[in-house]
């Protein structure tokens, strides 16, 4: 079998700096890292497969028909995912986001959502369960996902021009079917629907205004994401990054905007509301968001951990190593041992790659062998 293209530095628990049994046996519900950042969000990749071949994530020349995807037995089972989610919840996680690859390719995903929806925080509250998808299967699955307990959905869509969109997904998938999937999500009763647009300077800048016009006043929040240097396969270079400030300036010239307060600490997007005739935010017109990981790092209050498809825990989207929780799950470790492992890993966390990017040597910033976004989600 061909070696996996994604380079992972595996760090197992035998080399952690402190014995796991030296940590408190009862989670405090407020776990902090070395920069006093709480653990609040857990992003769970349920598959490493996707039916799109977007150049910034899974380019076709790398992820070809011969690419060695993970075998099914390597993936965490739904029961293993739910067990880990329950343990993370005891440490303060309140939001679960299911990602991929394309998460809707995972068979019977509604069964996992139902299991996660049954979890409760120590205070007895339900978790915020959401999902990021390319929208290609939403028409078929939105209603069953909602019935299972999914609360929200985010759809990736990089333009309304069909030729541009087909070129970006590189599998000739029509934009109309993604828009139909968004309609299906609304019809199913999923709330707070978001659309994420990755802006690549040479490809889809001319889609910014058409996308804003389309979703303004629709109840769907459009978010613009800077093209990021995730992984080693997407050909990233700074010249392709359109700063979010330029996106806001472009939009504001046609559709006046007013800046809004964050909805929660650690939020990745800066919010801008469409202004009415009085110059104030008109809620009926909605809002946009900009995610500026390259030009305006938000590491300072990042509260997110990422669980890969095969059970490795990553503490940053730009990480180059992960910790193997699957090994603990499949060697009969009890809940206390796994819980202590989570606490120990997060407690050592110092990650702030986006803040450091500009000061890193070029070969370190751009040549570093980071984990692929398709492996741990966005």
Foldseek 3Di string as FASTA:
>chain_A
DDDAPAAADEDEPVPFPDALVVDDLAAPLFFAAPLRFTAAEEEEAAELAAPFQFLLFHHCVQPDPPHDTDDPVLFDDLVRVLLVVLLSLSNHYQEYEYEFNARVVDPPVLVSLLSQQPHAHPVGHGGQYEYEHQQLCQLVCLQSNVVSPHAAYEHEFAAQPQVLRCVRRVPSDGPVNSVVSVVSNVVSPRAAYEYEHEQWQVGRPVRLVVVLVVCFLVRYEYEYEWSDLFFQRNPDDPVRTDAVVVSQVVCCVPFNWDWDDDPDFQDQWTKIAGADPVRDHDPSRPIYTYGGLQPDNDVSRHNYWWAWRSGWIHDDSFARHTYHLVVCVVVPNDSSSSSSVVSSVRHHDDDRCSVCLVVDPPCCNNVPRGGGCNGGPD
